[in-house]
C-alpha atoms as a PDB file:
ATOM      1  CA  MET A   1     -14.579 142.680 186.418  1.00  0.00           C
ATOM      2  CA  GLY A   2     -17.934 142.575 188.183  1.00  0.00           C
ATOM      3  CA  HIS A   3     -19.221 145.838 189.547  1.00  0.00           C
ATOM      4  CA  GLY A   4     -21.826 146.750 192.148  1.00  0.00           C
ATOM      5  CA  ARG A   5     -24.594 149.112 191.170  1.00  0.00           C
ATOM      6  CA  THR A   6     -24.160 152.767 192.088  1.00  0.00           C
ATOM      7  CA  LEU A   7     -25.646 156.049 190.922  1.00  0.00           C
ATOM      8  CA  GLU A   8     -25.783 156.572 187.159  1.00  0.00           C
ATOM      9  CA  TYR A   9     -25.763 159.590 184.878  1.00  0.00           C
ATOM     10  CA  PRO A  10     -29.174 159.928 183.196  1.00  0.00           C
ATOM     11  CA  LYS A  11     -29.158 159.073 179.500  1.00  0.00           C
ATOM     12  CA  THR A  12     -29.668 162.130 177.301  1.00  0.00           C
ATOM     13  CA  ALA A  13     -29.145 163.053 173.668  1.00  0.00           C
ATOM     14  CA  VAL A  14     -25.712 164.361 174.691  1.00  0.00           C
ATOM     15  CA  ASN A  15     -24.259 161.364 176.538  1.00  0.00           C
ATOM     16  CA  LYS A  16     -26.162 158.318 175.254  1.00  0.00           C
ATOM     17  CA  VAL A  17     -23.924 155.620 173.754  1.00  0.00           C
ATOM     18  CA  ASN A  18     -25.461 154.253 170.554  1.00  0.00           C
ATOM     19  CA  ARG A  19     -22.907 151.985 168.884  1.00  0.00           C
ATOM     20  CA  TYR A  20     -21.843 148.871 170.834  1.00  0.00           C
ATOM     21  CA  ASN A  21     -24.073 149.937 173.686  1.00  0.00           C
ATOM     22  CA  VAL A  22     -23.362 146.656 175.487  1.00  0.00           C
ATOM     23  CA  ARG A  23     -20.043 148.303 176.344  1.00  0.00           C
ATOM     24  CA  ALA A  24     -21.672 151.460 177.676  1.00  0.00           C
ATOM     25  CA  THR A  25     -21.631 152.475 181.315  1.00  0.00           C
ATOM     26  CA  TYR A  26     -23.317 155.396 183.015  1.00  0.00           C
ATOM     27  CA  ASP A  27     -22.108 154.281 186.426  1.00  0.00           C
ATOM     28  CA  LEU A  28     -20.606 157.247 188.286  1.00  0.00           C
ATOM     29  CA  GLU A  29     -18.023 155.144 190.114  1.00  0.00           C
ATOM     30  CA  GLN A  30     -16.718 153.515 186.945  1.00  0.00           C
ATOM     31  CA  ILE A  31     -16.613 156.761 184.960  1.00  0.00           C
ATOM     32  CA  HIS A  32     -14.998 158.805 187.729  1.00  0.00           C
ATOM     33  CA  GLY A  33     -12.521 155.994 188.371  1.00  0.00           C
ATOM     34  CA  ILE A  34     -11.343 156.001 184.756  1.00  0.00           C
ATOM     35  CA  ILE A  35     -10.767 159.761 184.893  1.00  0.00           C
ATOM     36  CA  ASN A  36      -8.831 159.542 188.161  1.00  0.00           C
ATOM     37  CA  ASP A  37      -6.755 156.577 186.953  1.00  0.00           C
ATOM     38  CA  SER A  38      -5.587 158.618 183.955  1.00  0.00           C
ATOM     39  CA  THR A  39      -2.456 160.715 184.393  1.00  0.00           C
ATOM     40  CA  VAL A  40      -3.639 163.057 181.630  1.00  0.00           C
ATOM     41  CA  VAL A  41      -7.166 164.002 180.565  1.00  0.00           C
ATOM     42  CA  HIS A  42      -8.178 165.829 177.407  1.00  0.00           C
ATOM     43  CA  VAL A  43     -10.318 168.947 177.666  1.00  0.00           C
ATOM     44  CA  SER A  44     -12.222 170.172 174.610  1.00  0.00           C
ATOM     45  CA  PHE A  45     -13.956 173.509 174.135  1.00  0.00           C
ATOM     46  CA  ASN A  46     -14.957 176.020 171.472  1.00  0.00           C
ATOM     47  CA  THR A  47     -13.550 179.527 171.178  1.00  0.00           C
ATOM     48  CA  PRO A  48     -15.442 182.666 170.099  1.00  0.00           C
ATOM     49  CA  ASP A  49     -12.660 183.499 167.629  1.00  0.00           C
ATOM     50  CA  PRO A  50     -14.297 183.590 164.154  1.00  0.00           C
ATOM     51  CA  SER A  51     -10.928 182.940 162.526  1.00  0.00           C
ATOM     52  CA  ASN A  52     -10.657 179.563 164.279  1.00  0.00           C
ATOM     53  CA  PRO A  53     -13.592 177.273 163.438  1.00  0.00           C
ATOM     54  CA  PHE A  54     -12.001 174.229 165.059  1.00  0.00           C
ATOM     55  CA  PRO A  55     -12.716 172.892 168.555  1.00  0.00           C
ATOM     56  CA  VAL A  56      -9.661 173.075 170.831  1.00  0.00           C
ATOM     57  CA  THR A  57      -8.450 170.009 172.737  1.00  0.00           C
ATOM     58  CA  LEU A  58      -5.834 170.334 175.478  1.00  0.00           C
ATOM     59  CA  PRO A  59      -4.045 167.668 177.523  1.00  0.00           C
ATOM     60  CA  MET A  60      -4.367 168.613 181.188  1.00  0.00           C
ATOM     61  CA  VAL A  61      -3.921 167.248 184.691  1.00  0.00           C
ATOM     62  CA  GLY A  62      -7.094 166.969 186.710  1.00  0.00           C
ATOM     63  CA  VAL A  63      -9.061 165.047 189.305  1.00  0.00           C
ATOM     64  CA  VAL A  64     -12.687 164.227 190.057  1.00  0.00           C
ATOM     65  CA  ALA A  65     -13.485 165.364 193.607  1.00  0.00           C
ATOM     66  CA  SER A  66     -15.790 167.522 195.749  1.00  0.00           C
ATOM     67  CA  PHE A  67     -14.694 170.458 197.892  1.00  0.00           C
ATOM     68  CA  GLU A  68     -18.180 170.798 199.343  1.00  0.00           C
ATOM     69  CA  HIS A  69     -18.271 167.108 200.292  1.00  0.00           C
ATOM     70  CA  PRO A  70     -14.619 165.994 200.520  1.00  0.00           C
ATOM     71  CA  SER A  71     -15.443 162.547 201.929  1.00  0.00           C
ATOM     72  CA  SER A  72     -17.644 161.658 198.944  1.00  0.00           C
ATOM     73  CA  SER A  73     -16.898 158.391 197.175  1.00  0.00           C
ATOM     74  CA  LEU A  74     -16.314 158.079 193.432  1.00  0.00           C
ATOM     75  CA  GLY A  75     -19.866 156.790 193.145  1.00  0.00           C
ATOM     76  CA  GLU A  76     -21.380 160.139 194.125  1.00  0.00           C
ATOM     77  CA  PRO A  77     -21.890 163.372 192.127  1.00  0.00           C
ATOM     78  CA  LEU A  78     -18.541 165.174 191.908  1.00  0.00           C
ATOM     79  CA  ASP A  79     -16.811 168.066 190.157  1.00  0.00           C
ATOM     80  CA  ILE A  80     -13.667 168.018 188.019  1.00  0.00           C
ATOM     81  CA  TYR A  81     -10.722 170.193 189.043  1.00  0.00           C
ATOM     82  CA  LEU A  82      -8.170 171.130 186.375  1.00  0.00           C
ATOM     83  CA  HIS A  83      -4.761 172.761 186.812  1.00  0.00           C
ATOM     84  CA  GLY A  84      -3.442 175.380 184.396  1.00  0.00           C
ATOM     85  CA  TYR A  85      -1.482 178.581 183.844  1.00  0.00           C
ATOM     86  CA  VAL A  86      -3.258 181.773 184.856  1.00  0.00           C
ATOM     87  CA  SER A  87      -3.235 183.458 181.434  1.00  0.00           C
ATOM     88  CA  SER A  88      -3.890 180.437 179.229  1.00  0.00           C
ATOM     89  CA  ARG A  89      -6.692 180.661 176.686  1.00  0.00           C
ATOM     90  CA  LEU A  90      -8.867 178.160 178.546  1.00  0.00           C
ATOM     91  CA  MET A  91      -8.503 180.054 181.816  1.00  0.00           C
ATOM     92  CA  ASN A  92      -9.338 183.382 180.180  1.00  0.00           C
ATOM     93  CA  LEU A  93     -12.399 181.980 178.433  1.00  0.00           C
ATOM     94  CA  SER A  94     -13.593 180.352 181.650  1.00  0.00           C
ATOM     95  CA  ARG A  95     -13.030 183.582 183.563  1.00  0.00           C
ATOM     96  CA  ASN A  96     -15.213 185.503 181.114  1.00  0.00           C
ATOM     97  CA  ALA A  97     -17.876 182.794 180.869  1.00  0.00           C
ATOM     98  CA  GLY A  98     -18.133 182.511 184.627  1.00  0.00           C
ATOM     99  CA  THR A  99     -19.404 186.072 184.932  1.00  0.00           C
ATOM    100  CA  THR A 100     -22.278 185.688 182.470  1.00  0.00           C
ATOM    101  CA  THR A 101     -25.458 183.669 182.235  1.00  0.00           C
ATOM    102  CA  SER A 102     -27.307 182.363 179.219  1.00  0.00           C
ATOM    103  CA  GLY A 103     -30.057 184.818 178.303  1.00  0.00           C
ATOM    104  CA  THR A 104     -32.186 186.007 181.186  1.00  0.00           C
ATOM    105  CA  ASP A 105     -32.618 182.631 182.887  1.00  0.00           C
ATOM    106  CA  ASP A 106     -31.080 182.889 186.352  1.00  0.00           C
ATOM    107  CA  SER A 107     -31.149 179.089 186.668  1.00  0.00           C
ATOM    108  CA  ALA A 108     -29.087 178.575 183.508  1.00  0.00           C
ATOM    109  CA  PRO A 109     -25.651 177.072 184.172  1.00  0.00           C
ATOM    110  CA  THR A 110     -22.728 179.468 184.139  1.00  0.00           C
ATOM    111  CA  GLY A 111     -19.264 178.707 182.901  1.00  0.00           C
ATOM    112  CA  LEU A 112     -17.554 177.597 179.721  1.00  0.00           C
ATOM    113  CA  PRO A 113     -19.035 174.404 178.218  1.00  0.00           C
ATOM    114  CA  VAL A 114     -16.277 171.768 178.127  1.00  0.00           C
ATOM    115  CA  THR A 115     -15.884 168.066 177.453  1.00  0.00           C
ATOM    116  CA  VAL A 116     -13.372 166.114 179.535  1.00  0.00           C
ATOM    117  CA  SER A 117     -12.308 162.665 178.355  1.00  0.00           C
ATOM    118  CA  ALA A 118      -9.806 159.940 179.164  1.00  0.00           C
ATOM    119  CA  THR A 119      -8.981 156.515 177.724  1.00  0.00           C
ATOM    120  CA  LYS A 120      -6.990 153.552 179.022  1.00  0.00           C
ATOM    121  CA  VAL A 121      -5.908 150.909 176.489  1.00  0.00           C
ATOM    122  CA  ASP A 122      -5.771 147.411 178.008  1.00  0.00           C
ATOM    123  CA  GLY A 123      -5.170 145.085 175.072  1.00  0.00           C
ATOM    124  CA  LEU A 124      -4.882 144.654 171.295  1.00  0.00           C
ATOM    125  CA  ILE A 125      -7.357 142.091 169.928  1.00  0.00           C
ATOM    126  CA  LEU A 126      -6.062 140.138 166.905  1.00  0.00           C
ATOM    127  CA  THR A 127      -8.663 138.182 164.946  1.00  0.00           C
ATOM    128  CA  LEU A 128      -9.028 136.262 161.693  1.00  0.00           C
ATOM    129  CA  THR A 129      -9.999 139.304 159.622  1.00  0.00           C
ATOM    130  CA  PRO A 130      -9.019 142.995 159.849  1.00  0.00           C
ATOM    131  CA  ASN A 131     -12.644 144.075 160.324  1.00  0.00           C
ATOM    132  CA  THR A 132     -12.994 142.260 163.653  1.00  0.00           C
ATOM    133  CA  HIS A 133      -9.706 143.407 165.154  1.00  0.00           C
ATOM    134  CA  ASP A 134     -10.427 145.396 168.300  1.00  0.00           C
ATOM    135  CA  VAL A 135      -9.015 146.952 171.452  1.00  0.00           C
ATOM    136  CA  ASN A 136      -9.717 146.267 175.112  1.00  0.00           C
ATOM    137  CA  TYR A 137     -10.157 149.704 176.639  1.00  0.00           C
ATOM    138  CA  ARG A 138     -11.826 151.895 179.239  1.00  0.00           C
ATOM    139  CA  SER A 139     -12.999 155.337 178.176  1.00  0.00           C
ATOM    140  CA  ALA A 140     -14.886 158.061 180.015  1.00  0.00           C
ATOM    141  CA  THR A 141     -16.400 161.341 178.860  1.00  0.00           C
ATOM    142  CA  LEU A 142     -17.835 164.041 181.104  1.00  0.00           C
ATOM    143  CA  PHE A 143     -19.703 167.164 180.018  1.00  0.00           C
ATOM    144  CA  GLY A 144     -19.857 170.266 182.169  1.00  0.00           C
ATOM    145  CA  TYR A 145     -19.340 173.966 182.740  1.00  0.00           C
ATOM    146  CA  ALA A 146     -15.909 175.304 183.715  1.00  0.00           C
ATOM    147  CA  SER A 147     -15.331 178.323 185.936  1.00  0.00           C
ATOM    148  CA  LEU A 148     -12.329 179.671 187.820  1.00  0.00           C
ATOM    149  CA  VAL A 149     -11.909 178.806 191.480  1.00  0.00           C
ATOM    150  CA  THR A 150     -11.545 182.122 193.332  1.00  0.00           C
ATOM    151  CA  ASP A 151     -11.844 180.981 196.947  1.00  0.00           C
ATOM    152  CA  LEU A 152      -8.329 180.535 198.380  1.00  0.00           C
ATOM    153  CA  ALA A 153      -9.236 177.586 200.595  1.00  0.00           C
ATOM    154  CA  GLU A 154     -10.862 175.732 197.708  1.00  0.00           C
ATOM    155  CA  LYS A 155      -7.945 176.547 195.411  1.00  0.00           C
ATOM    156  CA  LEU A 156      -5.369 175.157 197.853  1.00  0.00           C
ATOM    157  CA  TRP A 157      -7.523 172.094 198.466  1.00  0.00           C
ATOM    158  CA  ALA A 158      -7.873 171.490 194.729  1.00  0.00           C
ATOM    159  CA  MET A 159      -4.124 171.880 194.176  1.00  0.00           C
ATOM    160  CA  GLU A 160      -3.541 169.243 196.850  1.00  0.00           C
ATOM    161  CA  GLN A 161      -6.042 166.843 195.259  1.00  0.00           C
ATOM    162  CA  ILE A 162      -4.538 167.324 191.805  1.00  0.00           C
ATOM    163  CA  THR A 163      -0.982 166.808 193.091  1.00  0.00           C
ATOM    164  CA  ASN A 164      -2.008 163.643 194.903  1.00  0.00           C
ATOM    165  CA  SER A 165      -3.794 162.406 191.786  1.00  0.00           C
ATOM    166  CA  VAL A 166      -0.429 162.317 190.011  1.00  0.00           C
ATOM    167  CA  VAL A 167       1.408 160.510 192.829  1.00  0.00           C
ATOM    168  CA  ARG A 168      -0.602 159.453 195.847  1.00  0.00           C
ATOM    169  CA  ASP A 169       0.155 161.470 199.015  1.00  0.00           C
ATOM    170  CA  ARG A 170       2.824 163.563 197.245  1.00  0.00           C
ATOM    171  CA  TRP A 171       1.545 166.958 198.449  1.00  0.00           C
ATOM    172  CA  ARG A 172       2.619 166.609 202.090  1.00  0.00           C
ATOM    173  CA  PHE A 173       6.133 165.534 201.125  1.00  0.00           C
ATOM    174  CA  THR A 174       6.828 168.773 199.225  1.00  0.00           C
ATOM    175  CA  ARG A 175       7.525 172.414 200.143  1.00  0.00           C
ATOM    176  CA  ILE A 176       4.055 173.659 201.002  1.00  0.00           C
ATOM    177  CA  PRO A 177       2.089 175.822 200.819  1.00  0.00           C
ATOM    178  CA  PRO A 178       2.950 177.299 197.419  1.00  0.00           C
ATOM    179  CA  ASP A 179       4.323 180.832 197.701  1.00  0.00           C
ATOM    180  CA  GLY A 180       2.521 183.956 196.511  1.00  0.00           C
ATOM    181  CA  ALA A 181       4.061 183.989 193.044  1.00  0.00           C
ATOM    182  CA  GLU A 182       3.161 180.339 192.505  1.00  0.00           C
ATOM    183  CA  MET A 183      -0.412 180.925 193.601  1.00  0.00           C
ATOM    184  CA  GLN A 184      -0.762 183.940 191.291  1.00  0.00           C
ATOM    185  CA  SER A 185       0.615 182.112 188.256  1.00  0.00           C
ATOM    186  CA  THR A 186      -1.606 179.066 188.767  1.00  0.00           C
ATOM    187  CA  SER A 187      -5.309 178.865 188.067  1.00  0.00           C
ATOM    188  CA  ILE A 188      -7.695 176.084 188.986  1.00  0.00           C
ATOM    189  CA  LEU A 189     -10.835 175.323 187.025  1.00  0.00           C
ATOM    190  CA  ARG A 190     -13.861 173.710 188.583  1.00  0.00           C
ATOM    191  CA  VAL A 191     -16.076 171.864 186.124  1.00  0.00           C
ATOM    192  CA  ARG A 192     -19.646 171.357 187.294  1.00  0.00           C
ATOM    193  CA  VAL A 193     -20.526 168.052 185.657  1.00  0.00           C
ATOM    194  CA  ALA A 194     -23.821 167.977 183.765  1.00  0.00           C
ATOM    195  CA  GLY A 195     -23.585 164.413 182.495  1.00  0.00           C
ATOM    196  CA  GLY A 196     -21.303 161.675 181.319  1.00  0.00           C
ATOM    197  CA  SER A 197     -20.859 158.185 179.968  1.00  0.00           C
ATOM    198  CA  GLY A 198     -18.190 155.550 179.543  1.00  0.00           C
ATOM    199  CA  LYS A 199     -17.348 152.597 177.330  1.00  0.00           C
ATOM    200  CA  ILE A 200     -15.473 149.473 178.350  1.00  0.00           C
ATOM    201  CA  ARG A 201     -14.404 146.585 176.135  1.00  0.00           C
ATOM    202  CA  LEU A 202     -13.516 143.272 177.801  1.00  0.00           C
ATOM    203  CA  GLY A 203     -12.648 139.796 176.571  1.00  0.00           C
ATOM    204  CA  GLY A 204     -10.754 138.143 173.764  1.00  0.00           C
ATOM    205  CA  PRO A 205     -11.208 137.792 169.997  1.00  0.00           C
ATOM    206  CA  ARG A 206     -14.772 137.612 168.684  1.00  0.00           C
ATOM    207  CA  ASP A 207     -14.572 136.219 165.174  1.00  0.00           C
ATOM    208  CA  GLU A 208     -17.640 135.924 162.989  1.00  0.00           C
ATOM    209  CA  GLN A 209     -19.139 132.491 162.413  1.00  0.00           C
ATOM    210  CA  LYS A 210     -18.494 132.720 158.658  1.00  0.00           C
ATOM    211  CA  ASP A 211     -14.751 132.783 159.408  1.00  0.00           C
ATOM    212  CA  LEU A 212     -14.779 130.295 162.286  1.00  0.00           C
ATOM    213  CA  VAL A 213     -16.123 127.553 159.995  1.00  0.00           C
ATOM    214  CA  ARG A 214     -13.191 127.988 157.606  1.00  0.00           C
ATOM    215  CA  GLU A 215     -10.629 125.515 158.865  1.00  0.00           C
ATOM    216  CA  GLU A 216      -7.876 126.801 156.554  1.00  0.00           C
ATOM    217  CA  LEU A 217      -8.115 130.233 158.167  1.00  0.00           C
ATOM    218  CA  ARG A 218      -7.992 128.903 161.711  1.00  0.00           C
ATOM    219  CA  ASP A 219      -5.022 126.696 160.844  1.00  0.00           C
ATOM    220  CA  SER A 220      -2.974 129.522 159.310  1.00  0.00           C
ATOM    221  CA  ILE A 221      -3.840 132.750 161.189  1.00  0.00           C
ATOM    222  CA  TRP A 222      -2.849 133.398 164.797  1.00  0.00           C
ATOM    223  CA  THR A 223      -5.520 135.042 166.911  1.00  0.00           C
ATOM    224  CA  GLY A 224      -5.288 136.327 170.460  1.00  0.00           C
ATOM    225  CA  VAL A 225      -4.626 139.345 172.640  1.00  0.00           C
ATOM    226  CA  ILE A 226      -1.544 141.447 173.310  1.00  0.00           C
ATOM    227  CA  PRO A 227      -2.002 142.859 176.839  1.00  0.00           C
ATOM    228  CA  VAL A 228      -1.338 146.610 177.041  1.00  0.00           C
ATOM    229  CA  TYR A 229      -0.765 148.481 180.274  1.00  0.00           C
ATOM    230  CA  GLU A 230       0.866 151.694 181.444  1.00  0.00           C
ATOM    231  CA  HIS A 231       4.201 150.783 183.030  1.00  0.00           C
ATOM    232  CA  PHE A 232       5.404 152.759 186.038  1.00  0.00           C
ATOM    233  CA  GLY A 233       9.168 152.130 186.206  1.00  0.00           C
ATOM    234  CA  GLU A 234      11.611 152.260 189.076  1.00  0.00           C
ATOM    235  CA  PRO A 235      12.034 155.863 190.320  1.00  0.00           C
ATOM    236  CA  VAL A 236      15.222 157.586 189.095  1.00  0.00           C
ATOM    237  CA  PRO A 237      16.739 160.364 191.278  1.00  0.00           C
ATOM    238  CA  GLY A 238      17.125 163.833 189.798  1.00  0.00           C
ATOM    239  CA  LYS A 239      20.490 165.591 189.394  1.00  0.00           C
ATOM    240  CA  GLY A 240      19.777 167.876 192.333  1.00  0.00           C
ATOM    241  CA  ASN A 241      18.457 165.141 194.618  1.00  0.00           C
ATOM    242  CA  ARG A 242      20.260 164.719 197.970  1.00  0.00           C
ATOM    243  CA  VAL A 243      17.966 162.125 199.534  1.00  0.00           C
ATOM    244  CA  LYS A 244      19.664 158.736 199.314  1.00  0.00           C
ATOM    245  CA  ASP A 245      16.658 156.437 199.466  1.00  0.00           C
ATOM    246  CA  VAL A 246      13.518 156.661 197.367  1.00  0.00           C
ATOM    247  CA  PRO A 247      10.665 157.639 199.726  1.00  0.00           C
ATOM    248  CA  SER A 248       8.234 154.837 200.444  1.00  0.00           C
ATOM    249  CA  HIS A 249       5.252 156.814 199.151  1.00  0.00           C
ATOM    250  CA  VAL A 250       6.978 157.110 195.754  1.00  0.00           C
ATOM    251  CA  ALA A 251       8.260 153.528 195.512  1.00  0.00           C
ATOM    252  CA  GLU A 252       5.018 151.976 196.735  1.00  0.00           C
ATOM    253  CA  PHE A 253       2.914 154.090 194.386  1.00  0.00           C
ATOM    254  CA  ALA A 254       4.961 153.073 191.333  1.00  0.00           C
ATOM    255  CA  LYS A 255       4.874 149.401 192.331  1.00  0.00           C
ATOM    256  CA  GLU A 256       1.134 149.352 193.017  1.00  0.00           C
ATOM    257  CA  ARG A 257       0.238 151.121 189.772  1.00  0.00           C
ATOM    258  CA  ARG A 258       2.589 148.929 187.744  1.00  0.00           C
ATOM    259  CA  GLU A 259       1.200 145.698 189.179  1.00  0.00           C
ATOM    260  CA  GLY A 260      -2.401 146.915 189.150  1.00  0.00           C
ATOM    261  CA  ASN A 261      -2.308 147.941 185.494  1.00  0.00           C
ATOM    262  CA  GLU A 262      -0.796 144.614 184.438  1.00  0.00           C
ATOM    263  CA  ARG A 263      -3.304 142.677 186.524  1.00  0.00           C
ATOM    264  CA  TYR A 264      -6.283 144.519 185.038  1.00  0.00           C
ATOM    265  CA  ALA A 265      -5.078 144.037 181.451  1.00  0.00           C
ATOM    266  CA  THR A 266      -4.555 140.314 182.054  1.00  0.00           C
ATOM    267  CA  GLU A 267      -7.914 139.792 183.748  1.00  0.00           C
ATOM    268  CA  ALA A 268      -9.714 141.747 181.022  1.00  0.00           C
ATOM    269  CA  ILE A 269      -8.674 139.131 178.452  1.00  0.00           C
ATOM    270  CA  VAL A 270     -10.490 136.261 180.190  1.00  0.00           C
ATOM    271  CA  ASP A 271     -13.572 138.275 181.159  1.00  0.00           C
ATOM    272  CA  THR A 272     -16.613 136.788 179.409  1.00  0.00           C
ATOM    273  CA  SER A 273     -19.278 139.255 180.576  1.00  0.00           C
ATOM    274  CA  GLN A 274     -19.637 140.785 177.086  1.00  0.00           C
ATOM    275  CA  ASP A 275     -19.525 137.532 175.095  1.00  0.00           C
END
């Protein structure tokens, strides 16, 4: 679970992790990797509707990438691209926000303020007492400003990146490019990231000393870890499918993700870096 040092998001009042800060990471590569390893991210935003005081959270499909610097690694500053329906509330709010600035400051960021988050659960930690039960996990949160992508080349590029984030290399094995109606009904949001942070929990049970010295507890209560990982099953053909064999890019992707997720969850249990 060791990790080389890369660029980090600066700590601010917005993104600083306070509780269990030993688990905190501001490492761009780790944070971006968690987002891109998640099939679904959650996007939160506020609406100007006075009748709805609650923040809105939507599950969406997205990817961390850079159109301006497409060869950038995950350890470099990147944007988030999100896919959605053209007339959805988030798209409409972002469209309106993208045409205004805050006050008279020309340098103020434009776009709808959003929070994008993702979490991967890697294990259930069972200890001697309920209060020390825990979860092995990886979580990432990014803060930024969302605006609609209007450039056709960037929109097509983003649609390709998002498609390939779901199943690697899937875009080129489909009917492309999307037709006019599909392009009109689809909107892409670009989130300019202003900051972010992550939290990662590794290891096994961490019981308190006051319980570890009680032999009757240790002799009667099982402690340990149940590994948890997202399982990518064997591909199942659709009713309209006429291709006999599962394409290699589909089968290999499912196999690699299945084995990789199980391997990470298993290795996380024996990691002692946070002990």
